[in-house]
Amino acid sequence: EGWNRLCKRVREACETFGCFDVVYKKISTKIREDAFELLKELVEVPVERKQKNTSPLPYHGWVGPCEQVSVLYEGFGVGDASNYDSVKSFAQLMWPNGHPRFT
């Protein structure tokens, strides 16, 4: 598919749905499904706890609902997300009593 056609499809998806999904075939469907299930749990974390995920950098850490974008918008930044200890620290912040997938 040509670049211009791809750009048009991405724009249409953003205008229609507010997002688009890029599928990388080397990541299994099972891993993607598991990740989305965990994301649902992350969204359910109380706001007071999410607010503890801070960063001095703009749009890093937790970014709460934004009326200019959508009241449903949330963003989570995990510093050095490829580092196990950073991810573990983030998980402990979100689930201080532990989480079975982050032990």
C-alpha atoms as a PDB file:
ATOM      1  CA  GLU A   1       0.000   0.000   0.000  1.00  0.00           C
ATOM      2  CA  GLY A   2       1.391   3.394  -0.941  1.00  0.00           C
ATOM      3  CA  TRP A   3       2.481   5.965   1.607  1.00  0.00           C
ATOM      4  CA  ASN A   4      -0.232   8.496   0.666  1.00  0.00           C
ATOM      5  CA  ARG A   5      -2.973   5.865   0.939  1.00  0.00           C
ATOM      6  CA  LEU A   6      -1.628   4.726   4.311  1.00  0.00           C
ATOM      7  CA  CYS A   7      -1.546   8.326   5.585  1.00  0.00           C
ATOM      8  CA  LYS A   8      -5.145   8.780   4.489  1.00  0.00           C
ATOM      9  CA  ARG A   9      -6.253   5.600   6.294  1.00  0.00           C
ATOM     10  CA  VAL A  10      -4.466   6.633   9.505  1.00  0.00           C
ATOM     11  CA  ARG A  11      -6.058  10.101   9.367  1.00  0.00           C
ATOM     12  CA  GLU A  12      -9.512   8.601   8.757  1.00  0.00           C
ATOM     13  CA  ALA A  13      -9.084   6.200  11.684  1.00  0.00           C
ATOM     14  CA  CYS A  14      -8.048   9.050  13.991  1.00  0.00           C
ATOM     15  CA  GLU A  15     -10.944  11.232  12.859  1.00  0.00           C
ATOM     16  CA  THR A  16     -13.486   8.411  13.131  1.00  0.00           C
ATOM     17  CA  PHE A  17     -12.290   6.449  16.167  1.00  0.00           C
ATOM     18  CA  GLY A  18      -9.702   8.700  17.821  1.00  0.00           C
ATOM     19  CA  CYS A  19      -6.975   6.084  17.420  1.00  0.00           C
ATOM     20  CA  PHE A  20      -5.609   3.291  15.268  1.00  0.00           C
ATOM     21  CA  ASP A  21      -4.008  -0.066  15.965  1.00  0.00           C
ATOM     22  CA  VAL A  22      -0.714  -1.161  14.442  1.00  0.00           C
ATOM     23  CA  VAL A  23      -0.244  -4.924  14.480  1.00  0.00           C
ATOM     24  CA  TYR A  24       3.304  -6.273  14.553  1.00  0.00           C
ATOM     25  CA  LYS A  25       3.006  -9.898  13.472  1.00  0.00           C
ATOM     26  CA  LYS A  26       5.973 -11.052  15.567  1.00  0.00           C
ATOM     27  CA  ILE A  27       3.954 -10.317  18.725  1.00  0.00           C
ATOM     28  CA  SER A  28       1.405 -13.060  19.236  1.00  0.00           C
ATOM     29  CA  THR A  29      -2.308 -12.427  19.559  1.00  0.00           C
ATOM     30  CA  LYS A  30      -2.163 -13.961  23.056  1.00  0.00           C
ATOM     31  CA  ILE A  31       0.434 -11.438  24.237  1.00  0.00           C
ATOM     32  CA  ARG A  32      -1.582  -8.543  22.784  1.00  0.00           C
ATOM     33  CA  GLU A  33      -4.782  -9.796  24.459  1.00  0.00           C
ATOM     34  CA  ASP A  34      -2.980 -10.211  27.794  1.00  0.00           C
ATOM     35  CA  ALA A  35      -1.572  -6.685  27.530  1.00  0.00           C
ATOM     36  CA  PHE A  36      -5.015  -5.205  26.871  1.00  0.00           C
ATOM     37  CA  GLU A  37      -6.478  -7.104  29.841  1.00  0.00           C
ATOM     38  CA  LEU A  38      -3.765  -5.645  32.079  1.00  0.00           C
ATOM     39  CA  LEU A  39      -4.462  -2.178  30.682  1.00  0.00           C
ATOM     40  CA  LYS A  40      -8.090  -2.536  31.757  1.00  0.00           C
ATOM     41  CA  GLU A  41      -6.877  -3.220  35.299  1.00  0.00           C
ATOM     42  CA  LEU A  42      -4.574  -0.204  35.150  1.00  0.00           C
ATOM     43  CA  VAL A  43      -7.441   2.091  34.165  1.00  0.00           C
ATOM     44  CA  GLU A  44      -9.379   0.840  37.209  1.00  0.00           C
ATOM     45  CA  VAL A  45      -6.622   1.894  39.644  1.00  0.00           C
ATOM     46  CA  PRO A  46      -7.923   4.720  41.882  1.00  0.00           C
ATOM     47  CA  VAL A  47      -7.069   8.228  40.658  1.00  0.00           C
ATOM     48  CA  GLU A  48      -5.310   9.038  43.945  1.00  0.00           C
ATOM     49  CA  ARG A  49      -2.831   6.236  43.273  1.00  0.00           C
ATOM     50  CA  LYS A  50      -2.379   7.099  39.583  1.00  0.00           C
ATOM     51  CA  GLN A  51      -1.492  10.666  40.581  1.00  0.00           C
ATOM     52  CA  LYS A  52       1.568   9.307  42.401  1.00  0.00           C
ATOM     53  CA  ASN A  53       3.096   8.380  39.024  1.00  0.00           C
ATOM     54  CA  THR A  54       4.793  11.742  38.490  1.00  0.00           C
ATOM     55  CA  SER A  55       7.622  13.061  36.366  1.00  0.00           C
ATOM     56  CA  PRO A  56       9.296  16.461  35.960  1.00  0.00           C
ATOM     57  CA  LEU A  57       8.982  15.986  32.187  1.00  0.00           C
ATOM     58  CA  PRO A  58       5.766  17.112  30.486  1.00  0.00           C
ATOM     59  CA  TYR A  59       3.385  14.272  29.555  1.00  0.00           C
ATOM     60  CA  HIS A  60       5.461  11.707  31.422  1.00  0.00           C
ATOM     61  CA  GLY A  61       4.026  10.016  34.462  1.00  0.00           C
ATOM     62  CA  TRP A  62       0.229  10.034  34.705  1.00  0.00           C
ATOM     63  CA  VAL A  63      -1.805  12.476  32.628  1.00  0.00           C
ATOM     64  CA  GLY A  64      -5.417  12.555  33.723  1.00  0.00           C
ATOM     65  CA  PRO A  65      -8.592  13.278  31.823  1.00  0.00           C
ATOM     66  CA  CYS A  66      -8.226  16.311  29.602  1.00  0.00           C
ATOM     67  CA  GLU A  67     -11.345  18.180  28.525  1.00  0.00           C
ATOM     68  CA  GLN A  68      -9.543  19.540  25.448  1.00  0.00           C
ATOM     69  CA  VAL A  69      -8.949  15.979  24.223  1.00  0.00           C
ATOM     70  CA  SER A  70     -11.516  13.765  25.958  1.00  0.00           C
ATOM     71  CA  VAL A  71     -12.776  13.274  29.486  1.00  0.00           C
ATOM     72  CA  LEU A  72     -11.938   9.598  28.901  1.00  0.00           C
ATOM     73  CA  TYR A  73      -8.287  10.327  28.074  1.00  0.00           C
ATOM     74  CA  GLU A  74      -5.561   9.009  30.353  1.00  0.00           C
ATOM     75  CA  GLY A  75      -1.880   8.657  29.706  1.00  0.00           C
ATOM     76  CA  PHE A  76       0.671   6.655  31.650  1.00  0.00           C
ATOM     77  CA  GLY A  77       4.387   7.142  31.249  1.00  0.00           C
ATOM     78  CA  VAL A  78       6.741   4.548  32.657  1.00  0.00           C
ATOM     79  CA  GLY A  79      10.280   5.874  32.756  1.00  0.00           C
ATOM     80  CA  ASP A  80      12.802   3.433  31.267  1.00  0.00           C
ATOM     81  CA  ALA A  81      10.022   0.948  30.433  1.00  0.00           C
ATOM     82  CA  SER A  82      12.466  -1.584  29.003  1.00  0.00           C
ATOM     83  CA  ASN A  83      14.112  -1.903  32.428  1.00  0.00           C
ATOM     84  CA  TYR A  84      12.629  -4.591  34.704  1.00  0.00           C
ATOM     85  CA  ASP A  85      13.247  -2.617  37.909  1.00  0.00           C
ATOM     86  CA  SER A  86      11.505   0.469  36.482  1.00  0.00           C
ATOM     87  CA  VAL A  87       8.452  -1.559  35.496  1.00  0.00           C
ATOM     88  CA  LYS A  88       8.436  -3.306  38.871  1.00  0.00           C
ATOM     89  CA  SER A  89       8.612   0.055  40.651  1.00  0.00           C
ATOM     90  CA  PHE A  90       5.687   1.343  38.560  1.00  0.00           C
ATOM     91  CA  ALA A  91       3.662  -1.806  39.328  1.00  0.00           C
ATOM     92  CA  GLN A  92       4.341  -1.438  43.060  1.00  0.00           C
ATOM     93  CA  LEU A  93       3.162   2.167  42.889  1.00  0.00           C
ATOM     94  CA  MET A  94      -0.076   1.202  41.134  1.00  0.00           C
ATOM     95  CA  TRP A  95      -0.704  -1.998  43.128  1.00  0.00           C
ATOM     96  CA  PRO A  96       0.957  -1.527  46.548  1.00  0.00           C
ATOM     97  CA  ASN A  97      -0.582  -4.791  47.797  1.00  0.00           C
ATOM     98  CA  GLY A  98       0.914  -6.664  44.881  1.00  0.00           C
ATOM     99  CA  HIS A  99      -0.343  -7.884  41.546  1.00  0.00           C
ATOM    100  CA  PRO A 100      -0.070 -11.528  40.443  1.00  0.00           C
ATOM    101  CA  ARG A 101       1.453 -10.564  37.081  1.00  0.00           C
ATOM    102  CA  PHE A 102       4.100  -8.286  38.649  1.00  0.00           C
ATOM    103  CA  THR A 103       5.724 -10.350  41.364  1.00  0.00           C
END
